Protein backbone atom coordinates (compact mmCIF):
# COMPACT_ATOMS: atom_id res chain seq x y z
CA MET A 1 0.00 0.00 0.00
CA LYS A 2 2.76 2.46 0.95
CA ASP A 3 4.61 1.83 -2.33
CA LYS A 4 1.44 2.42 -4.34
CA VAL A 5 0.82 5.71 -2.52
CA GLU A 6 4.40 6.75 -3.14
CA VAL A 7 4.02 6.13 -6.89
CA ILE A 8 0.83 8.22 -6.96
CA LEU A 9 2.52 11.06 -5.09
CA ARG A 10 5.59 10.94 -7.34
CA ASN A 11 3.35 11.15 -10.42
CA LEU A 12 1.36 14.09 -9.06
CA PHE A 13 4.33 15.93 -7.54
CA PRO A 14 7.34 15.03 -9.72
CA SER A 15 9.52 17.90 -8.55
CA SER A 16 9.07 17.09 -4.85
CA VAL A 17 10.96 14.80 -2.53
CA ILE A 18 8.48 12.14 -1.44
CA ASP A 19 9.32 10.81 2.00
CA SER A 20 7.59 10.31 5.33
CA ASN A 21 7.68 14.09 5.95
CA PHE A 22 5.97 15.03 2.69
CA SER A 23 2.94 17.25 3.32
CA ARG A 24 0.88 20.16 2.07
CA ILE A 25 3.01 22.42 4.21
CA ASN A 26 6.31 21.59 2.51
CA CYS A 27 5.01 21.12 -1.04
CA ASP A 28 4.14 24.27 -2.97
CA ASP A 29 2.48 22.20 -5.71
CA TRP A 30 -0.03 20.61 -3.29
CA ASP A 31 -2.80 23.10 -3.95
CA SER A 32 -6.57 22.54 -3.98
CA ILE A 33 -6.59 21.20 -7.54
CA ASN A 34 -3.78 18.74 -6.87
CA HIS A 35 -5.48 17.75 -3.63
CA LEU A 36 -8.56 16.75 -5.63
CA ASN A 37 -6.35 14.97 -8.16
CA LEU A 38 -4.73 13.05 -5.31
CA MET A 39 -8.13 12.03 -3.94
CA PHE A 40 -9.23 10.87 -7.40
CA GLU A 41 -6.03 8.87 -7.89
CA LEU A 42 -6.34 7.24 -4.47
CA GLU A 43 -9.98 6.34 -5.09
CA SER A 44 -9.12 4.83 -8.47
CA ALA A 45 -6.00 2.97 -7.36
CA PHE A 46 -7.55 1.46 -4.24
CA GLU A 47 -11.15 1.19 -5.52
CA ILE A 48 -12.59 3.15 -2.62
CA ASN A 49 -14.77 6.20 -2.05
CA ILE A 50 -13.36 8.93 0.15
CA GLU A 51 -15.95 11.02 1.95
CA PRO A 52 -15.52 14.81 1.70
CA GLU A 53 -14.94 15.06 5.47
CA LYS A 54 -12.05 12.61 5.22
CA MET A 55 -10.64 14.38 2.16
CA MET A 56 -10.32 17.58 4.16
CA LYS A 57 -8.30 15.82 6.87
CA ILE A 58 -5.65 14.50 4.48
CA SER A 59 -2.61 16.73 4.60
CA ASP A 60 0.44 14.48 4.58
CA VAL A 61 1.68 10.98 3.82
CA LYS A 62 0.73 9.66 7.26
CA SER A 63 -2.86 10.85 6.98
CA VAL A 64 -3.14 9.23 3.52
CA LEU A 65 -1.85 5.91 4.84
CA ASP A 66 -4.03 6.08 7.97
CA MET A 67 -7.15 6.80 5.92
CA LEU A 68 -6.37 3.95 3.51
CA GLU A 69 -5.68 1.53 6.33
CA ASN A 70 -9.04 2.37 7.92
CA LYS A 71 -10.89 2.08 4.59
CA LEU A 72 -9.25 -1.16 3.47
CA ASN A 73 -9.50 -2.96 6.80
CA LYS A 74 -13.27 -2.55 7.15
């Protein structure tokens, strides 16, 4: 799961260093449009639906992985 998320992030943010500290705060390219693109890519890649409330809470790699873990382990 982590590797798949990393590939998605690298595709969306090619000029950024993707590591465990990657977040909206340290990535200038992570704007509202790219946030929606990230949500779309995550939904497609993992075949899930992300509720708008959960989308708003995603701000870094950890929150992406936590959300996916909760969704996929239900």
